[in-house]
Amino acid sequence: QVQLVESGGGLVQAGGSLRLSCAASGTFFSVRTMAWYRQAPGKQRELVASITGVGQTNYVDSVKGRFTISRDNAKKTMYLQMNSLKPDDTALYYCTQPGTGYWGQGTQVTVSS
């Protein structure tokens, strides 16, 4: 059984920064790919970024150069540093272990213009 708990969301002005965290329980965290998804009102959930167990990363084009995904395997925690935030980044952000069916409850990010 795996539990994923996100934190760090909030309200920020455009151009600001936030750092999301995803704390995981369970075994094999260090070898599993982790990912951040987001879902804005009226839109489909989309992949934001992913990171493999050895640190290989992938980003959706709209966040490249602004967001950085990272992980601390000793702490079983994944992070998403979000800089230069835009109103279009407003969404509920989820962490997941792709392919396992495990998702967190989400953390809201709201960017005001």
C-alpha atoms as a PDB file:
ATOM      1  CA  GLN A   1       0.000   0.000   0.000  1.00  0.00           C
ATOM      2  CA  VAL A   2       1.281   3.443  -0.957  1.00  0.00           C
ATOM      3  CA  GLN A   3       0.096   6.798   0.313  1.00  0.00           C
ATOM      4  CA  LEU A   4       1.022  10.049  -1.398  1.00  0.00           C
ATOM      5  CA  VAL A   5       0.481  13.369   0.365  1.00  0.00           C
ATOM      6  CA  GLU A   6       0.998  16.672  -1.426  1.00  0.00           C
ATOM      7  CA  SER A   7       1.649  20.002   0.253  1.00  0.00           C
ATOM      8  CA  GLY A   8       2.903  23.472  -0.584  1.00  0.00           C
ATOM      9  CA  GLY A   9       0.131  24.849  -2.732  1.00  0.00           C
ATOM     10  CA  GLY A  10      -1.344  28.291  -2.241  1.00  0.00           C
ATOM     11  CA  LEU A  11      -2.174  31.656  -3.741  1.00  0.00           C
ATOM     12  CA  VAL A  12       0.619  33.586  -5.414  1.00  0.00           C
ATOM     13  CA  GLN A  13       0.885  36.535  -7.767  1.00  0.00           C
ATOM     14  CA  ALA A  14       2.042  36.093 -11.341  1.00  0.00           C
ATOM     15  CA  GLY A  15       5.813  35.910 -11.463  1.00  0.00           C
ATOM     16  CA  GLY A  16       6.022  34.373  -8.024  1.00  0.00           C
ATOM     17  CA  SER A  17       7.238  30.967  -6.880  1.00  0.00           C
ATOM     18  CA  LEU A  18       5.950  27.959  -4.987  1.00  0.00           C
ATOM     19  CA  ARG A  19       7.504  24.649  -3.996  1.00  0.00           C
ATOM     20  CA  LEU A  20       5.287  21.592  -3.901  1.00  0.00           C
ATOM     21  CA  SER A  21       6.177  18.469  -1.944  1.00  0.00           C
ATOM     22  CA  CYS A  22       4.894  14.915  -2.226  1.00  0.00           C
ATOM     23  CA  ALA A  23       5.610  12.641   0.720  1.00  0.00           C
ATOM     24  CA  ALA A  24       5.313   8.930  -0.007  1.00  0.00           C
ATOM     25  CA  SER A  25       4.895   5.879   2.171  1.00  0.00           C
ATOM     26  CA  GLY A  26       5.527   2.287   1.188  1.00  0.00           C
ATOM     27  CA  THR A  27       8.475   0.455  -0.255  1.00  0.00           C
ATOM     28  CA  PHE A  28      10.454   0.743  -3.458  1.00  0.00           C
ATOM     29  CA  PHE A  29      10.101   4.542  -3.645  1.00  0.00           C
ATOM     30  CA  SER A  30      13.680   4.942  -4.791  1.00  0.00           C
ATOM     31  CA  VAL A  31      13.215   2.798  -7.874  1.00  0.00           C
ATOM     32  CA  ARG A  32       9.855   4.085  -9.007  1.00  0.00           C
ATOM     33  CA  THR A  33       9.231   6.861 -11.450  1.00  0.00           C
ATOM     34  CA  MET A  34       7.247   9.687  -9.889  1.00  0.00           C
ATOM     35  CA  ALA A  35       5.251  12.395 -11.588  1.00  0.00           C
ATOM     36  CA  TRP A  36       3.294  15.592 -11.100  1.00  0.00           C
ATOM     37  CA  TYR A  37       0.006  16.115 -12.909  1.00  0.00           C
ATOM     38  CA  ARG A  38      -2.351  19.064 -12.821  1.00  0.00           C
ATOM     39  CA  GLN A  39      -5.984  19.657 -13.632  1.00  0.00           C
ATOM     40  CA  ALA A  40      -7.502  23.063 -14.228  1.00  0.00           C
ATOM     41  CA  PRO A  41     -11.271  23.650 -14.071  1.00  0.00           C
ATOM     42  CA  GLY A  42     -12.940  22.377 -17.235  1.00  0.00           C
ATOM     43  CA  LYS A  43      -9.746  20.829 -18.561  1.00  0.00           C
ATOM     44  CA  GLN A  44      -8.286  17.345 -18.696  1.00  0.00           C
ATOM     45  CA  ARG A  45      -5.612  16.268 -16.264  1.00  0.00           C
ATOM     46  CA  GLU A  46      -2.184  16.752 -17.829  1.00  0.00           C
ATOM     47  CA  LEU A  47       1.317  15.558 -17.077  1.00  0.00           C
ATOM     48  CA  VAL A  48       3.516  18.384 -15.817  1.00  0.00           C
ATOM     49  CA  ALA A  49       6.797  16.613 -15.088  1.00  0.00           C
ATOM     50  CA  SER A  50       8.208  13.200 -14.242  1.00  0.00           C
ATOM     51  CA  ILE A  51      11.400  11.868 -12.692  1.00  0.00           C
ATOM     52  CA  THR A  52      12.826   8.351 -12.748  1.00  0.00           C
ATOM     53  CA  GLY A  53      14.470   6.637  -9.825  1.00  0.00           C
ATOM     54  CA  VAL A  54      17.879   7.687 -11.144  1.00  0.00           C
ATOM     55  CA  GLY A  55      16.852  11.287 -11.687  1.00  0.00           C
ATOM     56  CA  GLN A  56      16.029  11.490 -15.373  1.00  0.00           C
ATOM     57  CA  THR A  57      13.439  14.203 -15.860  1.00  0.00           C
ATOM     58  CA  ASN A  58      10.791  15.117 -18.386  1.00  0.00           C
ATOM     59  CA  TYR A  59       8.641  18.251 -18.629  1.00  0.00           C
ATOM     60  CA  VAL A  60       5.637  19.423 -20.581  1.00  0.00           C
ATOM     61  CA  ASP A  61       6.708  22.201 -22.941  1.00  0.00           C
ATOM     62  CA  SER A  62       4.668  24.880 -21.175  1.00  0.00           C
ATOM     63  CA  VAL A  63       6.722  24.611 -17.954  1.00  0.00           C
ATOM     64  CA  LYS A  64      10.213  24.003 -19.341  1.00  0.00           C
ATOM     65  CA  GLY A  65      12.667  26.514 -17.936  1.00  0.00           C
ATOM     66  CA  ARG A  66      10.286  27.510 -15.129  1.00  0.00           C
ATOM     67  CA  PHE A  67       9.596  24.315 -13.162  1.00  0.00           C
ATOM     68  CA  THR A  68      12.101  21.858 -11.694  1.00  0.00           C
ATOM     69  CA  ILE A  69      11.202  18.386 -10.485  1.00  0.00           C
ATOM     70  CA  SER A  70      13.450  16.641  -7.971  1.00  0.00           C
ATOM     71  CA  ARG A  71      13.376  13.869  -5.405  1.00  0.00           C
ATOM     72  CA  ASP A  72      15.021  12.876  -2.147  1.00  0.00           C
ATOM     73  CA  ASN A  73      14.903   9.091  -1.993  1.00  0.00           C
ATOM     74  CA  ALA A  74      16.129   9.001   1.615  1.00  0.00           C
ATOM     75  CA  LYS A  75      13.128  11.106   2.636  1.00  0.00           C
ATOM     76  CA  LYS A  76      10.759   9.411   0.165  1.00  0.00           C
ATOM     77  CA  THR A  77       9.769  12.842  -1.035  1.00  0.00           C
ATOM     78  CA  MET A  78       9.373  14.427  -4.455  1.00  0.00           C
ATOM     79  CA  TYR A  79       9.374  18.153  -5.113  1.00  0.00           C
ATOM     80  CA  LEU A  80       8.240  20.587  -7.773  1.00  0.00           C
ATOM     81  CA  GLN A  81       9.886  24.007  -7.692  1.00  0.00           C
ATOM     82  CA  MET A  82       7.706  26.384  -9.678  1.00  0.00           C
ATOM     83  CA  ASN A  83       9.125  29.767 -10.680  1.00  0.00           C
ATOM     84  CA  SER A  84       7.811  32.564 -12.879  1.00  0.00           C
ATOM     85  CA  LEU A  85       4.287  31.349 -12.275  1.00  0.00           C
ATOM     86  CA  LYS A  86       1.550  32.376 -14.687  1.00  0.00           C
ATOM     87  CA  PRO A  87      -2.241  32.490 -14.280  1.00  0.00           C
ATOM     88  CA  ASP A  88      -2.415  29.545 -16.708  1.00  0.00           C
ATOM     89  CA  ASP A  89      -0.581  27.456 -14.083  1.00  0.00           C
ATOM     90  CA  THR A  90      -3.633  27.650 -11.823  1.00  0.00           C
ATOM     91  CA  ALA A  91      -4.778  24.080 -11.174  1.00  0.00           C
ATOM     92  CA  LEU A  92      -5.048  21.279  -8.688  1.00  0.00           C
ATOM     93  CA  TYR A  93      -1.652  19.564  -8.646  1.00  0.00           C
ATOM     94  CA  TYR A  94      -1.388  15.838  -7.993  1.00  0.00           C
ATOM     95  CA  CYS A  95       1.534  13.515  -7.460  1.00  0.00           C
ATOM     96  CA  THR A  96       1.449   9.934  -8.642  1.00  0.00           C
ATOM     97  CA  GLN A  97       3.480   6.819  -9.235  1.00  0.00           C
ATOM     98  CA  PRO A  98       2.707   6.216 -12.911  1.00  0.00           C
ATOM     99  CA  GLY A  99       1.341   2.779 -13.673  1.00  0.00           C
ATOM    100  CA  THR A 100       0.511   1.884 -10.072  1.00  0.00           C
ATOM    101  CA  GLY A 101      -2.805   3.670  -9.679  1.00  0.00           C
ATOM    102  CA  TYR A 102      -1.627   5.561  -6.627  1.00  0.00           C
ATOM    103  CA  TRP A 103      -2.472   9.270  -6.508  1.00  0.00           C
ATOM    104  CA  GLY A 104      -2.367  11.935  -3.859  1.00  0.00           C
ATOM    105  CA  GLN A 105      -5.348  14.063  -2.915  1.00  0.00           C
ATOM    106  CA  GLY A 106      -3.988  17.138  -4.682  1.00  0.00           C
ATOM    107  CA  THR A 107      -2.867  20.587  -3.637  1.00  0.00           C
ATOM    108  CA  GLN A 108      -4.362  23.761  -5.099  1.00  0.00           C
ATOM    109  CA  VAL A 109      -2.163  26.304  -6.845  1.00  0.00           C
ATOM    110  CA  THR A 110      -3.765  29.623  -7.727  1.00  0.00           C
ATOM    111  CA  VAL A 111      -1.853  32.307  -9.609  1.00  0.00           C
ATOM    112  CA  SER A 112      -3.386  35.766  -9.714  1.00  0.00           C
ATOM    113  CA  SER A 113      -2.690  38.242 -12.499  1.00  0.00           C
END
